[in-house]
C-alpha atoms as a PDB file:
ATOM      1  CA  MET A   1      13.787   2.436   8.494  1.00  0.00           C
ATOM      2  CA  LYS A   2      16.864   0.301   9.180  1.00  0.00           C
ATOM      3  CA  GLU A   3      16.844   1.481  12.786  1.00  0.00           C
ATOM      4  CA  ILE A   4      13.157   0.607  13.119  1.00  0.00           C
ATOM      5  CA  LYS A   5      13.702  -2.788  11.469  1.00  0.00           C
ATOM      6  CA  LYS A   6      16.542  -3.533  13.897  1.00  0.00           C
ATOM      7  CA  TYR A   7      14.356  -2.585  16.862  1.00  0.00           C
ATOM      8  CA  LEU A   8      11.472  -4.715  15.540  1.00  0.00           C
ATOM      9  CA  GLU A   9      13.617  -7.612  14.311  1.00  0.00           C
ATOM     10  CA  PRO A  10      12.638 -10.164  17.011  1.00  0.00           C
ATOM     11  CA  ARG A  11       8.932  -9.411  16.565  1.00  0.00           C
ATOM     12  CA  LEU A  12       9.130  -9.338  12.770  1.00  0.00           C
ATOM     13  CA  LYS A  13      10.656 -12.818  12.979  1.00  0.00           C
ATOM     14  CA  GLU A  14       7.586 -13.881  14.945  1.00  0.00           C
ATOM     15  CA  VAL A  15       5.393 -12.413  12.191  1.00  0.00           C
ATOM     16  CA  GLU A  16       7.421 -14.274   9.557  1.00  0.00           C
ATOM     17  CA  SER A  17       7.032 -17.505  11.520  1.00  0.00           C
ATOM     18  CA  VAL A  18       3.240 -17.130  11.653  1.00  0.00           C
ATOM     19  CA  ILE A  19       3.166 -16.431   7.912  1.00  0.00           C
ATOM     20  CA  GLU A  20       5.350 -19.438   7.114  1.00  0.00           C
ATOM     21  CA  ASP A  21       3.219 -21.730   9.261  1.00  0.00           C
ATOM     22  CA  ALA A  22       0.048 -20.406   7.644  1.00  0.00           C
ATOM     23  CA  LEU A  23       1.340 -20.960   4.106  1.00  0.00           C
ATOM     24  CA  ARG A  24       2.800 -24.436   4.600  1.00  0.00           C
ATOM     25  CA  SER A  25       1.241 -26.996   2.250  1.00  0.00           C
ATOM     26  CA  ASP A  26       1.803 -30.629   1.282  1.00  0.00           C
ATOM     27  CA  VAL A  27       1.171 -29.671  -2.353  1.00  0.00           C
ATOM     28  CA  GLY A  28       4.743 -29.435  -3.628  1.00  0.00           C
ATOM     29  CA  LEU A  29       4.228 -26.753  -6.276  1.00  0.00           C
ATOM     30  CA  LEU A  30       2.237 -24.510  -3.914  1.00  0.00           C
ATOM     31  CA  ASP A  31       4.684 -24.922  -1.039  1.00  0.00           C
ATOM     32  CA  ALA A  32       7.735 -24.266  -3.225  1.00  0.00           C
ATOM     33  CA  THR A  33       6.137 -21.185  -4.793  1.00  0.00           C
ATOM     34  CA  ASN A  34       5.155 -19.777  -1.412  1.00  0.00           C
ATOM     35  CA  ARG A  35       8.676 -20.263  -0.062  1.00  0.00           C
ATOM     36  CA  SER A  36      10.105 -18.572  -3.155  1.00  0.00           C
ATOM     37  CA  LEU A  37       7.801 -15.586  -2.697  1.00  0.00           C
ATOM     38  CA  ARG A  38       8.827 -15.235   0.954  1.00  0.00           C
ATOM     39  CA  GLU A  39      12.536 -15.088   0.050  1.00  0.00           C
ATOM     40  CA  ASN A  40      12.045 -11.433  -0.939  1.00  0.00           C
ATOM     41  CA  PRO A  41       9.375 -10.085   1.422  1.00  0.00           C
ATOM     42  CA  GLY A  42       9.807  -6.365   0.667  1.00  0.00           C
ATOM     43  CA  LYS A  43       9.715  -3.628   3.295  1.00  0.00           C
ATOM     44  CA  MET A  44       7.124  -5.306   5.577  1.00  0.00           C
ATOM     45  CA  MET A  45       5.655  -1.825   6.082  1.00  0.00           C
ATOM     46  CA  ARG A  46       2.232  -2.924   7.275  1.00  0.00           C
ATOM     47  CA  PRO A  47       3.436  -5.408   9.925  1.00  0.00           C
ATOM     48  CA  SER A  48       6.038  -2.869  11.069  1.00  0.00           C
ATOM     49  CA  LEU A  49       3.331  -0.237  11.444  1.00  0.00           C
ATOM     50  CA  ALA A  50       1.146  -2.663  13.408  1.00  0.00           C
ATOM     51  CA  LEU A  51       3.948  -3.569  15.803  1.00  0.00           C
ATOM     52  CA  LEU A  52       4.856   0.083  16.392  1.00  0.00           C
ATOM     53  CA  VAL A  53       1.228   0.994  17.081  1.00  0.00           C
ATOM     54  CA  ALA A  54       0.879  -1.772  19.684  1.00  0.00           C
ATOM     55  CA  ASP A  55       4.201  -0.699  21.179  1.00  0.00           C
ATOM     56  CA  ALA A  56       2.947   2.876  21.543  1.00  0.00           C
ATOM     57  CA  LEU A  57      -0.320   1.828  23.179  1.00  0.00           C
ATOM     58  CA  GLY A  58       1.014  -0.653  25.683  1.00  0.00           C
ATOM     59  CA  GLU A  59       2.579  -3.947  24.782  1.00  0.00           C
ATOM     60  CA  TYR A  60       2.403  -6.261  21.811  1.00  0.00           C
ATOM     61  CA  ASN A  61       1.057  -9.783  22.265  1.00  0.00           C
ATOM     62  CA  ALA A  62       0.326 -12.918  20.256  1.00  0.00           C
ATOM     63  CA  ASP A  63      -2.728 -11.329  18.634  1.00  0.00           C
ATOM     64  CA  THR A  64      -0.698  -8.300  17.543  1.00  0.00           C
ATOM     65  CA  ILE A  65       1.574 -10.753  15.725  1.00  0.00           C
ATOM     66  CA  ARG A  66      -1.417 -12.554  14.201  1.00  0.00           C
ATOM     67  CA  TYR A  67      -3.048  -9.352  12.944  1.00  0.00           C
ATOM     68  CA  ALA A  68       0.295  -8.072  11.622  1.00  0.00           C
ATOM     69  CA  ALA A  69       0.830 -11.364   9.783  1.00  0.00           C
ATOM     70  CA  ALA A  70      -2.715 -11.218   8.385  1.00  0.00           C
ATOM     71  CA  SER A  71      -2.091  -7.734   6.986  1.00  0.00           C
ATOM     72  CA  GLU A  72       1.015  -8.971   5.168  1.00  0.00           C
ATOM     73  CA  LEU A  73      -0.747 -12.096   3.865  1.00  0.00           C
ATOM     74  CA  LEU A  74      -3.612  -9.957   2.594  1.00  0.00           C
ATOM     75  CA  HIS A  75      -1.238  -7.442   1.015  1.00  0.00           C
ATOM     76  CA  ASN A  76       0.628 -10.141  -0.884  1.00  0.00           C
ATOM     77  CA  ALA A  77      -2.622 -11.804  -1.955  1.00  0.00           C
ATOM     78  CA  THR A  78      -3.633  -8.545  -3.629  1.00  0.00           C
ATOM     79  CA  LEU A  79      -0.225  -8.304  -5.336  1.00  0.00           C
ATOM     80  CA  LEU A  80      -0.648 -11.783  -6.811  1.00  0.00           C
ATOM     81  CA  HIS A  81      -4.035 -10.732  -8.164  1.00  0.00           C
ATOM     82  CA  ASP A  82      -2.779  -7.312  -9.321  1.00  0.00           C
ATOM     83  CA  ASP A  83      -0.010  -8.924 -11.362  1.00  0.00           C
ATOM     84  CA  VAL A  84      -2.672 -10.731 -13.380  1.00  0.00           C
ATOM     85  CA  VAL A  85      -4.826  -7.614 -13.802  1.00  0.00           C
ATOM     86  CA  ASP A  86      -1.799  -5.515 -14.828  1.00  0.00           C
ATOM     87  CA  GLY A  87      -0.082  -8.210 -16.919  1.00  0.00           C
ATOM     88  CA  ALA A  88       3.073  -7.597 -14.860  1.00  0.00           C
ATOM     89  CA  SER A  89       6.110  -9.735 -15.692  1.00  0.00           C
ATOM     90  CA  GLU A  90       8.280  -8.610 -12.752  1.00  0.00           C
ATOM     91  CA  ARG A  91       7.839  -7.605  -9.122  1.00  0.00           C
ATOM     92  CA  ARG A  92      10.652  -6.656  -6.732  1.00  0.00           C
ATOM     93  CA  GLY A  93      13.134  -7.493  -9.482  1.00  0.00           C
ATOM     94  CA  ARG A  94      11.943 -11.078  -9.929  1.00  0.00           C
ATOM     95  CA  PRO A  95       9.519 -12.782 -12.340  1.00  0.00           C
ATOM     96  CA  THR A  96       5.928 -12.779 -11.141  1.00  0.00           C
ATOM     97  CA  VAL A  97       4.024 -16.006 -10.501  1.00  0.00           C
ATOM     98  CA  ALA A  98       1.814 -15.041 -13.441  1.00  0.00           C
ATOM     99  CA  ASN A  99       4.960 -14.966 -15.580  1.00  0.00           C
ATOM    100  CA  PHE A 100       6.856 -18.086 -14.469  1.00  0.00           C
ATOM    101  CA  LEU A 101       3.794 -20.284 -13.825  1.00  0.00           C
ATOM    102  CA  SER A 102       0.599 -18.809 -15.269  1.00  0.00           C
ATOM    103  CA  PRO A 103      -2.000 -16.091 -14.587  1.00  0.00           C
ATOM    104  CA  GLN A 104      -4.369 -18.828 -13.392  1.00  0.00           C
ATOM    105  CA  ALA A 105      -1.805 -20.049 -10.862  1.00  0.00           C
ATOM    106  CA  SER A 106      -1.258 -16.494  -9.617  1.00  0.00           C
ATOM    107  CA  VAL A 107      -4.994 -16.050  -8.978  1.00  0.00           C
ATOM    108  CA  LEU A 108      -5.246 -19.391  -7.173  1.00  0.00           C
ATOM    109  CA  ILE A 109      -2.171 -18.752  -5.012  1.00  0.00           C
ATOM    110  CA  GLY A 110      -3.479 -15.270  -4.246  1.00  0.00           C
ATOM    111  CA  ASP A 111      -6.748 -16.859  -3.119  1.00  0.00           C
ATOM    112  CA  TYR A 112      -4.774 -19.271  -0.923  1.00  0.00           C
ATOM    113  CA  TRP A 113      -2.916 -16.407   0.769  1.00  0.00           C
ATOM    114  CA  LEU A 114      -6.229 -14.595   1.264  1.00  0.00           C
ATOM    115  CA  VAL A 115      -7.850 -17.576   2.962  1.00  0.00           C
ATOM    116  CA  LYS A 116      -4.785 -18.017   5.174  1.00  0.00           C
ATOM    117  CA  ALA A 117      -5.064 -14.362   6.193  1.00  0.00           C
ATOM    118  CA  VAL A 118      -8.668 -14.960   7.272  1.00  0.00           C
ATOM    119  CA  LYS A 119      -7.728 -18.105   9.230  1.00  0.00           C
ATOM    120  CA  THR A 120      -4.929 -16.193  10.955  1.00  0.00           C
ATOM    121  CA  ILE A 121      -7.396 -13.477  12.038  1.00  0.00           C
ATOM    122  CA  LEU A 122      -9.831 -16.121  13.300  1.00  0.00           C
ATOM    123  CA  SER A 123      -7.128 -17.612  15.523  1.00  0.00           C
ATOM    124  CA  ALA A 124      -6.940 -14.361  17.545  1.00  0.00           C
ATOM    125  CA  THR A 125      -8.828 -13.686  20.779  1.00  0.00           C
ATOM    126  CA  HIS A 126      -8.714  -9.849  21.059  1.00  0.00           C
ATOM    127  CA  SER A 127     -11.730  -8.169  19.374  1.00  0.00           C
ATOM    128  CA  THR A 128     -11.772 -10.896  16.732  1.00  0.00           C
ATOM    129  CA  GLU A 129     -15.250 -10.095  15.433  1.00  0.00           C
ATOM    130  CA  ARG A 130     -14.413  -6.416  14.952  1.00  0.00           C
ATOM    131  CA  ALA A 131     -11.065  -7.264  13.366  1.00  0.00           C
ATOM    132  CA  ILE A 132     -12.828  -9.512  10.846  1.00  0.00           C
ATOM    133  CA  ARG A 133     -15.178  -6.649   9.950  1.00  0.00           C
ATOM    134  CA  VAL A 134     -12.225  -4.272   9.549  1.00  0.00           C
ATOM    135  CA  PHE A 135     -10.354  -6.613   7.218  1.00  0.00           C
ATOM    136  CA  ALA A 136     -13.562  -7.470   5.330  1.00  0.00           C
ATOM    137  CA  ASP A 137     -14.154  -3.764   4.719  1.00  0.00           C
ATOM    138  CA  THR A 138     -10.572  -3.514   3.493  1.00  0.00           C
ATOM    139  CA  LEU A 139     -11.121  -6.302   0.957  1.00  0.00           C
ATOM    140  CA  SER A 140     -14.219  -4.510  -0.290  1.00  0.00           C
ATOM    141  CA  HIS A 141     -12.277  -1.248  -0.604  1.00  0.00           C
ATOM    142  CA  LEU A 142      -9.424  -2.946  -2.480  1.00  0.00           C
ATOM    143  CA  ALA A 143     -11.791  -4.337  -5.117  1.00  0.00           C
ATOM    144  CA  GLU A 144     -13.714  -1.061  -5.431  1.00  0.00           C
ATOM    145  CA  GLY A 145     -10.494   0.927  -5.781  1.00  0.00           C
ATOM    146  CA  GLU A 146      -9.149  -1.242  -8.581  1.00  0.00           C
ATOM    147  CA  LEU A 147     -12.428  -1.163 -10.496  1.00  0.00           C
ATOM    148  CA  LEU A 148     -12.867   2.593 -10.043  1.00  0.00           C
ATOM    149  CA  GLN A 149      -9.335   3.122 -11.306  1.00  0.00           C
ATOM    150  CA  MET A 150     -10.066   0.946 -14.355  1.00  0.00           C
ATOM    151  CA  GLU A 151     -13.261   2.889 -15.033  1.00  0.00           C
ATOM    152  CA  LYS A 152     -11.498   6.234 -14.777  1.00  0.00           C
ATOM    153  CA  ALA A 153      -8.552   5.087 -16.907  1.00  0.00           C
ATOM    154  CA  SER A 154     -11.038   4.408 -19.678  1.00  0.00           C
ATOM    155  CA  SER A 155     -12.966   7.678 -19.354  1.00  0.00           C
ATOM    156  CA  GLY A 156     -10.014   9.967 -18.509  1.00  0.00           C
ATOM    157  CA  ASP A 157     -12.156  12.109 -16.194  1.00  0.00           C
ATOM    158  CA  THR A 158     -10.488  11.378 -12.833  1.00  0.00           C
ATOM    159  CA  THR A 159     -11.022  14.214 -10.338  1.00  0.00           C
ATOM    160  CA  GLN A 160      -9.074  14.920  -7.148  1.00  0.00           C
ATOM    161  CA  GLU A 161     -11.963  13.402  -5.197  1.00  0.00           C
ATOM    162  CA  ASP A 162     -11.883  10.268  -7.380  1.00  0.00           C
ATOM    163  CA  TYR A 163      -8.131   9.982  -6.960  1.00  0.00           C
ATOM    164  CA  GLU A 164      -8.235  10.251  -3.181  1.00  0.00           C
ATOM    165  CA  ARG A 165     -10.951   7.617  -3.037  1.00  0.00           C
ATOM    166  CA  ILE A 166      -8.836   5.329  -5.231  1.00  0.00           C
ATOM    167  CA  ILE A 167      -5.671   5.711  -3.155  1.00  0.00           C
ATOM    168  CA  TYR A 168      -7.620   5.220   0.071  1.00  0.00           C
ATOM    169  CA  CYS A 169      -9.204   2.041  -1.264  1.00  0.00           C
ATOM    170  CA  LYS A 170      -6.035   0.638  -2.847  1.00  0.00           C
ATOM    171  CA  THR A 171      -3.475   1.553  -0.184  1.00  0.00           C
ATOM    172  CA  GLY A 172      -4.797   3.617   2.707  1.00  0.00           C
ATOM    173  CA  SER A 173      -7.424   1.068   3.738  1.00  0.00           C
ATOM    174  CA  LEU A 174      -4.915  -1.729   4.430  1.00  0.00           C
ATOM    175  CA  PHE A 175      -2.573   0.603   6.333  1.00  0.00           C
ATOM    176  CA  GLU A 176      -5.641   1.693   8.304  1.00  0.00           C
ATOM    177  CA  ALA A 177      -6.597  -1.926   9.041  1.00  0.00           C
ATOM    178  CA  SER A 178      -3.045  -2.775  10.120  1.00  0.00           C
ATOM    179  CA  ALA A 179      -2.890   0.101  12.597  1.00  0.00           C
ATOM    180  CA  LEU A 180      -6.448  -0.216  13.848  1.00  0.00           C
ATOM    181  CA  THR A 181      -6.336  -3.981  14.518  1.00  0.00           C
ATOM    182  CA  ALA A 182      -2.982  -3.562  16.275  1.00  0.00           C
ATOM    183  CA  ALA A 183      -4.654  -1.036  18.578  1.00  0.00           C
ATOM    184  CA  LEU A 184      -7.477  -3.521  19.178  1.00  0.00           C
ATOM    185  CA  SER A 185      -4.958  -6.227  20.049  1.00  0.00           C
ATOM    186  CA  ALA A 186      -3.482  -3.923  22.697  1.00  0.00           C
ATOM    187  CA  ASP A 187      -6.942  -3.361  24.262  1.00  0.00           C
ATOM    188  CA  ALA A 188      -6.558   0.371  23.634  1.00  0.00           C
ATOM    189  CA  PRO A 189      -9.417   2.782  24.458  1.00  0.00           C
ATOM    190  CA  GLU A 190     -11.719   3.692  21.575  1.00  0.00           C
ATOM    191  CA  HIS A 191     -10.262   7.178  21.015  1.00  0.00           C
ATOM    192  CA  ALA A 192      -6.807   5.611  20.567  1.00  0.00           C
ATOM    193  CA  VAL A 193      -8.139   2.902  18.222  1.00  0.00           C
ATOM    194  CA  LYS A 194      -9.747   5.551  15.992  1.00  0.00           C
ATOM    195  CA  ALA A 195      -6.704   7.843  16.082  1.00  0.00           C
ATOM    196  CA  MET A 196      -4.353   5.020  15.117  1.00  0.00           C
ATOM    197  CA  GLY A 197      -6.684   3.908  12.336  1.00  0.00           C
ATOM    198  CA  GLU A 198      -6.684   7.461  10.955  1.00  0.00           C
ATOM    199  CA  PHE A 199      -2.896   7.635  11.291  1.00  0.00           C
ATOM    200  CA  GLY A 200      -2.556   4.433   9.270  1.00  0.00           C
ATOM    201  CA  LYS A 201      -5.047   5.599   6.647  1.00  0.00           C
ATOM    202  CA  LEU A 202      -3.261   8.916   6.037  1.00  0.00           C
ATOM    203  CA  LEU A 203       0.157   7.271   6.106  1.00  0.00           C
ATOM    204  CA  GLY A 204      -0.983   4.799   3.450  1.00  0.00           C
ATOM    205  CA  MET A 205      -2.400   7.549   1.269  1.00  0.00           C
ATOM    206  CA  ALA A 206       0.885   9.473   1.553  1.00  0.00           C
ATOM    207  CA  PHE A 207       2.690   6.241   0.623  1.00  0.00           C
ATOM    208  CA  GLN A 208       0.601   5.943  -2.565  1.00  0.00           C
ATOM    209  CA  VAL A 209       0.924   9.619  -3.556  1.00  0.00           C
ATOM    210  CA  LYS A 210       4.689   9.302  -3.150  1.00  0.00           C
ATOM    211  CA  ASP A 211       4.688   6.198  -5.362  1.00  0.00           C
ATOM    212  CA  ASP A 212       2.703   8.100  -7.998  1.00  0.00           C
ATOM    213  CA  TRP A 213       5.063  11.089  -7.631  1.00  0.00           C
ATOM    214  CA  MET A 214       8.027   8.782  -8.320  1.00  0.00           C
ATOM    215  CA  ASP A 215       6.466   7.812 -11.658  1.00  0.00           C
ATOM    216  CA  TYR A 216       7.207  11.347 -12.839  1.00  0.00           C
ATOM    217  CA  ALA A 217      10.036  12.525 -10.593  1.00  0.00           C
ATOM    218  CA  SER A 218      12.715   9.846 -10.807  1.00  0.00           C
ATOM    219  CA  ALA A 219      15.099   8.873 -13.529  1.00  0.00           C
ATOM    220  CA  ASP A 220      14.131   5.455 -14.870  1.00  0.00           C
ATOM    221  CA  GLY A 221      14.627   2.980 -12.027  1.00  0.00           C
ATOM    222  CA  ALA A 222      16.578   5.446  -9.871  1.00  0.00           C
ATOM    223  CA  LEU A 223      14.153   5.115  -6.958  1.00  0.00           C
ATOM    224  CA  GLY A 224      13.307   1.474  -7.571  1.00  0.00           C
ATOM    225  CA  LYS A 225      10.445   2.066  -9.993  1.00  0.00           C
ATOM    226  CA  PRO A 226      10.553   2.449 -13.794  1.00  0.00           C
ATOM    227  CA  VAL A 227       9.019   5.776 -14.800  1.00  0.00           C
ATOM    228  CA  GLY A 228       5.939   6.183 -16.959  1.00  0.00           C
ATOM    229  CA  ILE A 229       4.152   2.995 -15.869  1.00  0.00           C
ATOM    230  CA  ASP A 230       1.063   4.829 -14.612  1.00  0.00           C
ATOM    231  CA  LEU A 231       0.704   6.802 -17.836  1.00  0.00           C
ATOM    232  CA  LYS A 232       1.076   3.645 -19.931  1.00  0.00           C
ATOM    233  CA  GLU A 233      -1.878   2.306 -17.971  1.00  0.00           C
ATOM    234  CA  GLN A 234      -3.775   5.578 -18.598  1.00  0.00           C
ATOM    235  CA  LYS A 235      -3.905   6.451 -14.900  1.00  0.00           C
ATOM    236  CA  ILE A 236      -4.390  10.089 -13.948  1.00  0.00           C
ATOM    237  CA  THR A 237      -2.517  10.436 -10.662  1.00  0.00           C
ATOM    238  CA  GLN A 238      -1.547  13.299  -8.352  1.00  0.00           C
ATOM    239  CA  PRO A 239       1.236  14.940 -10.433  1.00  0.00           C
ATOM    240  CA  LEU A 240      -0.999  15.119 -13.493  1.00  0.00           C
ATOM    241  CA  LEU A 241      -3.986  16.302 -11.463  1.00  0.00           C
ATOM    242  CA  CYS A 242      -1.846  19.094 -10.006  1.00  0.00           C
ATOM    243  CA  ALA A 243      -0.639  20.084 -13.474  1.00  0.00           C
ATOM    244  CA  LEU A 244      -4.186  20.132 -14.840  1.00  0.00           C
ATOM    245  CA  GLU A 245      -5.381  22.685 -12.268  1.00  0.00           C
ATOM    246  CA  GLY A 246      -6.276  25.812 -14.255  1.00  0.00           C
ATOM    247  CA  ALA A 247      -4.643  24.513 -17.443  1.00  0.00           C
ATOM    248  CA  PRO A 248      -6.377  25.783 -20.607  1.00  0.00           C
ATOM    249  CA  GLU A 249      -5.421  22.575 -22.439  1.00  0.00           C
ATOM    250  CA  GLU A 250      -6.978  20.268 -19.793  1.00  0.00           C
ATOM    251  CA  ALA A 251      -9.447  18.598 -22.181  1.00  0.00           C
ATOM    252  CA  GLU A 252      -6.706  17.987 -24.758  1.00  0.00           C
ATOM    253  CA  ILE A 253      -4.351  16.435 -22.180  1.00  0.00           C
ATOM    254  CA  ARG A 254      -7.085  14.189 -20.754  1.00  0.00           C
ATOM    255  CA  SER A 255      -7.903  13.018 -24.267  1.00  0.00           C
ATOM    256  CA  MET A 256      -4.224  12.234 -24.875  1.00  0.00           C
ATOM    257  CA  VAL A 257      -4.092  10.095 -21.728  1.00  0.00           C
ATOM    258  CA  THR A 258      -7.020   7.940 -22.902  1.00  0.00           C
ATOM    259  CA  ARG A 259      -5.173   7.304 -26.193  1.00  0.00           C
ATOM    260  CA  ILE A 260      -1.750   6.427 -24.771  1.00  0.00           C
ATOM    261  CA  SER A 261      -2.212   2.649 -24.972  1.00  0.00           C
ATOM    262  CA  ASP A 262      -2.518   2.913 -28.772  1.00  0.00           C
ATOM    263  CA  ASN A 263      -0.147   5.885 -29.095  1.00  0.00           C
ATOM    264  CA  PRO A 264       2.711   5.417 -26.571  1.00  0.00           C
ATOM    265  CA  GLU A 265       4.502   8.525 -27.843  1.00  0.00           C
ATOM    266  CA  LEU A 266       1.759  10.645 -26.268  1.00  0.00           C
ATOM    267  CA  GLY A 267       3.126   9.664 -22.857  1.00  0.00           C
ATOM    268  CA  HIS A 268       6.210  11.821 -23.426  1.00  0.00           C
ATOM    269  CA  ALA A 269       4.067  14.853 -24.265  1.00  0.00           C
ATOM    270  CA  VAL A 270       1.925  14.381 -21.163  1.00  0.00           C
ATOM    271  CA  ARG A 271       4.968  13.940 -18.934  1.00  0.00           C
ATOM    272  CA  GLU A 272       6.542  17.132 -20.342  1.00  0.00           C
ATOM    273  CA  PHE A 273       3.251  18.953 -19.666  1.00  0.00           C
ATOM    274  CA  VAL A 274       3.287  17.780 -16.030  1.00  0.00           C
ATOM    275  CA  ILE A 275       6.882  18.901 -15.497  1.00  0.00           C
ATOM    276  CA  ARG A 276       6.302  22.244 -17.246  1.00  0.00           C
ATOM    277  CA  ARG A 277       3.223  22.976 -15.119  1.00  0.00           C
ATOM    278  CA  GLY A 278       4.987  22.136 -11.848  1.00  0.00           C
ATOM    279  CA  GLY A 279       2.885  19.042 -11.222  1.00  0.00           C
ATOM    280  CA  VAL A 280       5.807  17.090  -9.763  1.00  0.00           C
ATOM    281  CA  ASP A 281       6.626  19.703  -7.109  1.00  0.00           C
ATOM    282  CA  LYS A 282       2.964  20.232  -6.248  1.00  0.00           C
ATOM    283  CA  ALA A 283       2.444  16.470  -5.826  1.00  0.00           C
ATOM    284  CA  ALA A 284       5.398  16.376  -3.422  1.00  0.00           C
ATOM    285  CA  LEU A 285       3.611  18.981  -1.320  1.00  0.00           C
ATOM    286  CA  LYS A 286       0.550  16.692  -1.260  1.00  0.00           C
ATOM    287  CA  VAL A 287       2.740  13.968   0.258  1.00  0.00           C
ATOM    288  CA  ASP A 288       3.847  16.454   2.928  1.00  0.00           C
ATOM    289  CA  GLU A 289       0.211  17.393   3.556  1.00  0.00           C
ATOM    290  CA  PHE A 290      -0.859  13.782   4.167  1.00  0.00           C
ATOM    291  CA  ILE A 291       2.173  13.150   6.388  1.00  0.00           C
ATOM    292  CA  GLY A 292       1.384  16.284   8.402  1.00  0.00           C
ATOM    293  CA  ARG A 293      -2.203  15.184   8.921  1.00  0.00           C
ATOM    294  CA  ALA A 294      -1.036  11.691   9.902  1.00  0.00           C
ATOM    295  CA  VAL A 295       1.447  13.034  12.437  1.00  0.00           C
ATOM    296  CA  SER A 296      -1.249  15.187  14.064  1.00  0.00           C
ATOM    297  CA  CYS A 297      -3.163  11.974  14.867  1.00  0.00           C
ATOM    298  CA  LEU A 298      -0.370  11.095  17.304  1.00  0.00           C
ATOM    299  CA  ASP A 299      -0.832  14.233  19.444  1.00  0.00           C
ATOM    300  CA  PHE A 300      -2.596  12.226  22.158  1.00  0.00           C
ATOM    301  CA  LEU A 301       0.471  10.019  22.726  1.00  0.00           C
ATOM    302  CA  PRO A 302       2.979  10.922  25.450  1.00  0.00           C
ATOM    303  CA  GLU A 303       6.449  11.894  24.304  1.00  0.00           C
ATOM    304  CA  GLY A 304       8.863   9.002  24.311  1.00  0.00           C
ATOM    305  CA  PRO A 305      10.606   6.328  22.189  1.00  0.00           C
ATOM    306  CA  ALA A 306       7.354   4.645  21.060  1.00  0.00           C
ATOM    307  CA  LYS A 307       5.880   7.853  19.664  1.00  0.00           C
ATOM    308  CA  ASP A 308       9.239   8.789  18.174  1.00  0.00           C
ATOM    309  CA  ARG A 309       9.357   5.554  16.177  1.00  0.00           C
ATOM    310  CA  LEU A 310       5.915   6.213  14.726  1.00  0.00           C
ATOM    311  CA  LEU A 311       7.100   9.684  13.741  1.00  0.00           C
ATOM    312  CA  LYS A 312      10.168   8.110  12.133  1.00  0.00           C
ATOM    313  CA  ILE A 313       8.102   5.734  10.012  1.00  0.00           C
ATOM    314  CA  ALA A 314       6.009   8.721   8.900  1.00  0.00           C
ATOM    315  CA  ARG A 315       9.165  10.620   7.938  1.00  0.00           C
ATOM    316  CA  PHE A 316      10.419   7.557   6.057  1.00  0.00           C
ATOM    317  CA  VAL A 317       7.225   7.433   3.983  1.00  0.00           C
ATOM    318  CA  GLY A 318       7.600  11.156   3.224  1.00  0.00           C
ATOM    319  CA  ASP A 319      11.287  10.933   2.316  1.00  0.00           C
ATOM    320  CA  ARG A 320      11.630  11.713  -1.397  1.00  0.00           C
ATOM    321  CA  GLU A 321      14.974   9.947  -1.768  1.00  0.00           C
ATOM    322  CA  LYS A 322      13.786   6.522  -0.594  1.00  0.00           C
END
């Protein structure tokens, strides 16, 4: 990823510049908070994916930068909202806006970022109408995914089909939008637009399965994420689903998950069940499966540095040590 970041550095700076311009405000508190949030931007995975897709299909342009910036603005808007929904006190090692200002402020600033994402999309000239529809669909998916996950956390009856819908809505859909709109910005033929959208979708789903795998696989904080968070929130994710396959105690385990919020000690028993049943290793194979399917979407591309970088970002997402 460092190699890719170095290669993309000039273009990522252009993305950052568009984001900074979009977020600038004469309201002191809003402007200062936005600048503080941008001091630790994270991996910039979605803009990086967009830039690599455009690179593979021809050449990036101003609209590629705009769509890449919009994907990052939209992503961070959802994080500001998620922190309120989840009651999160920290993100990326720093206090959340909901923590150091208020949940209300976090919602309002998230709305501001969302509107700025829309305005950034509207400033483009390549397939703008279609890009708006793509991002609008993504917003719909994001809301549906969160609500479906809440519903299933309460009932404890998440199936594999439910889970894959949730991870598509929550993560895969925005990766898909980032890749697809980048292809549109490059005036790519329709078969390439669809292939890149599918590549992004599967890459995003692999990204989410890996994140859920880390909740069981890592020592606390060893891979950048405290373990057990998903179980505390009563989420049935891929490792647990894998462990439940054919388990005679399935009903008992599902019941335990729905009671974890009132009985935190049950989380240890569920985690031990997952490890004993091989759920962690089986979930890792699911990551590999999604990565393999994503990589196959690139078969139409000619061999060369552009395709190689897309393969590298796929391998990075699948890497279990990062």
